[in-house]
C-alpha atoms as a PDB file:
ATOM      1  CA  UNK A   1     -12.480  10.346  -9.078  1.00  0.00           C
ATOM      2  CA  UNK A   2     -11.739   7.729  -6.432  1.00  0.00           C
ATOM      3  CA  UNK A   3     -10.756   8.977  -2.989  1.00  0.00           C
ATOM      4  CA  UNK A   4      -8.385   6.990  -0.786  1.00  0.00           C
ATOM      5  CA  UNK A   5      -8.293   7.402   2.975  1.00  0.00           C
ATOM      6  CA  UNK A   6      -5.447   5.932   4.997  1.00  0.00           C
ATOM      7  CA  UNK A   7      -5.118   5.304   8.704  1.00  0.00           C
ATOM      8  CA  UNK A   8      -2.917   3.400  11.107  1.00  0.00           C
ATOM      9  CA  UNK A   9       0.437   5.131  10.984  1.00  0.00           C
ATOM     10  CA  UNK A  10       2.351   5.972  14.114  1.00  0.00           C
ATOM     11  CA  UNK A  11       5.521   5.443  16.082  1.00  0.00           C
ATOM     12  CA  UNK A  12       6.875   2.113  17.223  1.00  0.00           C
ATOM     13  CA  UNK A  13      10.120   0.651  18.444  1.00  0.00           C
ATOM     14  CA  UNK A  14      12.205  -1.637  16.278  1.00  0.00           C
ATOM     15  CA  UNK A  15      10.746  -5.127  16.240  1.00  0.00           C
ATOM     16  CA  UNK A  16       7.238  -3.831  16.736  1.00  0.00           C
ATOM     17  CA  UNK A  17       4.211  -3.974  14.456  1.00  0.00           C
ATOM     18  CA  UNK A  18       1.807  -1.572  12.811  1.00  0.00           C
ATOM     19  CA  UNK A  19      -1.223  -2.100  10.605  1.00  0.00           C
ATOM     20  CA  UNK A  20      -2.117   0.392   7.920  1.00  0.00           C
ATOM     21  CA  UNK A  21      -5.603   0.624   6.468  1.00  0.00           C
ATOM     22  CA  UNK A  22      -6.873   2.232   3.302  1.00  0.00           C
ATOM     23  CA  UNK A  23     -10.430   2.606   2.062  1.00  0.00           C
ATOM     24  CA  UNK A  24     -11.388   3.460  -1.509  1.00  0.00           C
ATOM     25  CA  UNK A  25     -14.528   5.442  -2.357  1.00  0.00           C
ATOM     26  CA  UNK A  26     -15.033   3.633  -5.650  1.00  0.00           C
ATOM     27  CA  UNK A  27     -14.146   0.555  -7.650  1.00  0.00           C
ATOM     28  CA  UNK A  28     -10.504  -0.007  -8.492  1.00  0.00           C
ATOM     29  CA  UNK A  29      -8.606  -2.945  -9.925  1.00  0.00           C
ATOM     30  CA  UNK A  30      -5.562  -2.856  -7.692  1.00  0.00           C
ATOM     31  CA  UNK A  31      -4.528  -1.257  -4.427  1.00  0.00           C
ATOM     32  CA  UNK A  32      -1.008  -0.834  -3.215  1.00  0.00           C
ATOM     33  CA  UNK A  33       1.247   0.750  -0.641  1.00  0.00           C
ATOM     34  CA  UNK A  34       4.197   2.965  -1.362  1.00  0.00           C
ATOM     35  CA  UNK A  35       6.583   4.751   0.940  1.00  0.00           C
ATOM     36  CA  UNK A  36       8.833   7.740   0.641  1.00  0.00           C
ATOM     37  CA  UNK A  37      11.608   9.251   2.671  1.00  0.00           C
ATOM     38  CA  UNK A  38      12.423  12.934   2.052  1.00  0.00           C
ATOM     39  CA  UNK A  39      15.075  13.208  -0.621  1.00  0.00           C
ATOM     40  CA  UNK A  40      14.542   9.689  -1.900  1.00  0.00           C
ATOM     41  CA  UNK A  41      12.400   8.145  -4.605  1.00  0.00           C
ATOM     42  CA  UNK A  42       9.038   6.682  -3.760  1.00  0.00           C
ATOM     43  CA  UNK A  43       9.246   2.927  -3.295  1.00  0.00           C
ATOM     44  CA  UNK A  44       6.532   0.386  -4.020  1.00  0.00           C
ATOM     45  CA  UNK A  45       6.082  -1.809  -0.944  1.00  0.00           C
ATOM     46  CA  UNK A  46       3.190  -4.142  -1.708  1.00  0.00           C
ATOM     47  CA  UNK A  47       0.148  -4.396  -3.943  1.00  0.00           C
ATOM     48  CA  UNK A  48      -2.889  -6.610  -4.383  1.00  0.00           C
ATOM     49  CA  UNK A  49      -5.517  -7.071  -7.059  1.00  0.00           C
ATOM     50  CA  UNK A  50      -9.033  -6.406  -5.813  1.00  0.00           C
ATOM     51  CA  UNK A  51     -10.691  -8.966  -8.085  1.00  0.00           C
ATOM     52  CA  UNK A  52      -8.498 -11.969  -7.424  1.00  0.00           C
ATOM     53  CA  UNK A  53      -5.684 -12.987  -5.165  1.00  0.00           C
ATOM     54  CA  UNK A  54      -2.421 -11.891  -6.636  1.00  0.00           C
ATOM     55  CA  UNK A  55       0.082  -9.861  -4.701  1.00  0.00           C
ATOM     56  CA  UNK A  56       3.316  -7.991  -5.175  1.00  0.00           C
ATOM     57  CA  UNK A  57       5.967  -7.402  -2.526  1.00  0.00           C
ATOM     58  CA  UNK A  58       9.178  -5.447  -2.660  1.00  0.00           C
ATOM     59  CA  UNK A  59      12.212  -7.414  -1.502  1.00  0.00           C
ATOM     60  CA  UNK A  60      12.403  -5.157   1.550  1.00  0.00           C
ATOM     61  CA  UNK A  61       8.874  -6.197   2.549  1.00  0.00           C
ATOM     62  CA  UNK A  62       8.976  -9.932   1.931  1.00  0.00           C
ATOM     63  CA  UNK A  63       8.682 -11.990   5.079  1.00  0.00           C
ATOM     64  CA  UNK A  64       7.768  -8.998   7.273  1.00  0.00           C
ATOM     65  CA  UNK A  65       4.822  -7.244   5.599  1.00  0.00           C
ATOM     66  CA  UNK A  66       1.513  -8.747   4.569  1.00  0.00           C
ATOM     67  CA  UNK A  67      -1.004  -7.056   2.303  1.00  0.00           C
ATOM     68  CA  UNK A  68      -4.637  -8.112   2.496  1.00  0.00           C
ATOM     69  CA  UNK A  69      -7.995  -6.843   1.345  1.00  0.00           C
ATOM     70  CA  UNK A  70     -11.627  -6.695   2.316  1.00  0.00           C
ATOM     71  CA  UNK A  71     -13.508  -6.580  -0.946  1.00  0.00           C
ATOM     72  CA  UNK A  72     -16.838  -5.844   0.714  1.00  0.00           C
ATOM     73  CA  UNK A  73     -15.379  -2.740   2.340  1.00  0.00           C
ATOM     74  CA  UNK A  74     -13.249  -1.745  -0.657  1.00  0.00           C
ATOM     75  CA  UNK A  75     -10.321  -1.698   1.709  1.00  0.00           C
ATOM     76  CA  UNK A  76      -6.747  -2.873   1.811  1.00  0.00           C
ATOM     77  CA  UNK A  77      -4.476  -3.416   4.777  1.00  0.00           C
ATOM     78  CA  UNK A  78      -0.747  -3.606   5.294  1.00  0.00           C
ATOM     79  CA  UNK A  79       0.363  -5.566   8.326  1.00  0.00           C
ATOM     80  CA  UNK A  80       3.941  -4.631   9.113  1.00  0.00           C
ATOM     81  CA  UNK A  81       5.822  -6.842  11.547  1.00  0.00           C
ATOM     82  CA  UNK A  82       9.399  -6.821  12.789  1.00  0.00           C
ATOM     83  CA  UNK A  83       9.700  -3.180  11.828  1.00  0.00           C
ATOM     84  CA  UNK A  84      13.141  -1.672  11.383  1.00  0.00           C
ATOM     85  CA  UNK A  85      14.330   1.946  11.609  1.00  0.00           C
ATOM     86  CA  UNK A  86      14.833   1.912   7.844  1.00  0.00           C
ATOM     87  CA  UNK A  87      11.080   1.374   7.438  1.00  0.00           C
ATOM     88  CA  UNK A  88      10.552   4.925   8.659  1.00  0.00           C
ATOM     89  CA  UNK A  89       8.779   6.850   5.906  1.00  0.00           C
ATOM     90  CA  UNK A  90       5.519   8.350   4.815  1.00  0.00           C
ATOM     91  CA  UNK A  91       3.342   5.508   3.566  1.00  0.00           C
ATOM     92  CA  UNK A  92       0.905   6.153   0.761  1.00  0.00           C
ATOM     93  CA  UNK A  93      -2.038   4.105  -0.361  1.00  0.00           C
ATOM     94  CA  UNK A  94      -2.537   4.035  -4.117  1.00  0.00           C
ATOM     95  CA  UNK A  95      -4.973   2.468  -6.539  1.00  0.00           C
ATOM     96  CA  UNK A  96      -5.196   1.529 -10.184  1.00  0.00           C
ATOM     97  CA  UNK A  97      -8.379   2.326 -12.072  1.00  0.00           C
ATOM     98  CA  UNK A  98     -10.596  -0.337 -13.536  1.00  0.00           C
ATOM     99  CA  UNK A  99      -9.667  -1.241 -17.082  1.00  0.00           C
ATOM    100  CA  UNK A 100     -11.921   0.192 -19.765  1.00  0.00           C
ATOM    101  CA  UNK A 101     -11.241  -2.796 -22.009  1.00  0.00           C
ATOM    102  CA  UNK A 102     -13.172  -5.984 -21.150  1.00  0.00           C
ATOM    103  CA  UNK A 103     -10.827  -8.774 -20.148  1.00  0.00           C
ATOM    104  CA  UNK A 104      -7.803  -6.469 -20.018  1.00  0.00           C
ATOM    105  CA  UNK A 105      -5.974  -6.636 -16.709  1.00  0.00           C
ATOM    106  CA  UNK A 106      -3.915  -3.613 -15.754  1.00  0.00           C
ATOM    107  CA  UNK A 107      -0.599  -4.117 -13.933  1.00  0.00           C
ATOM    108  CA  UNK A 108      -0.570  -4.287 -10.140  1.00  0.00           C
ATOM    109  CA  UNK A 109       2.978  -3.933  -8.935  1.00  0.00           C
ATOM    110  CA  UNK A 110       5.425  -1.454  -7.488  1.00  0.00           C
ATOM    111  CA  UNK A 111       5.662   1.171 -10.206  1.00  0.00           C
ATOM    112  CA  UNK A 112       4.101   4.422  -9.043  1.00  0.00           C
ATOM    113  CA  UNK A 113       3.438   5.651 -12.596  1.00  0.00           C
ATOM    114  CA  UNK A 114       0.934   2.816 -13.060  1.00  0.00           C
ATOM    115  CA  UNK A 115      -1.324   4.121 -10.292  1.00  0.00           C
ATOM    116  CA  UNK A 116      -4.118   6.630 -10.841  1.00  0.00           C
ATOM    117  CA  UNK A 117      -5.226   7.534  -7.324  1.00  0.00           C
ATOM    118  CA  UNK A 118      -3.267   8.420  -4.219  1.00  0.00           C
ATOM    119  CA  UNK A 119      -4.015   8.922  -0.575  1.00  0.00           C
ATOM    120  CA  UNK A 120      -2.648  11.713   1.593  1.00  0.00           C
ATOM    121  CA  UNK A 121      -0.047   9.557   3.279  1.00  0.00           C
ATOM    122  CA  UNK A 122       0.507   8.449   6.843  1.00  0.00           C
ATOM    123  CA  UNK A 123       3.736   8.709   8.805  1.00  0.00           C
ATOM    124  CA  UNK A 124       5.416   5.579  10.121  1.00  0.00           C
ATOM    125  CA  UNK A 125       8.336   6.101  12.489  1.00  0.00           C
ATOM    126  CA  UNK A 126      10.419   3.226  13.809  1.00  0.00           C
ATOM    127  CA  UNK A 127      12.918   3.986  16.527  1.00  0.00           C
ATOM    128  CA  UNK A 128      15.972   1.888  17.310  1.00  0.00           C
END
């Protein structure tokens, strides 16, 4: 079982920036960020393959958020710039397991049902 540990949430004014970090305790093929507001569905924000450079961004994140990784540390980061009040949510780090089939690449995108491991979540609050 892979454990994910997030950090970096907090409160910021609109237009500000925050950087989220997530470390995985084991090998995974993809790491992503999701967010959820109470009463709403969880939304995929960004994702990145750990073995090569391919990323996914939700439309709401494009141009403002940047996902990056540190393969040596088994970590992924989400740099969030120009934050808006509507970005307020609990942000979750998630990961996709390594494929058991040689050469088979599992999806790495914004669908939460494709992810096997989840972090505890970190609150991001953006005030107007």
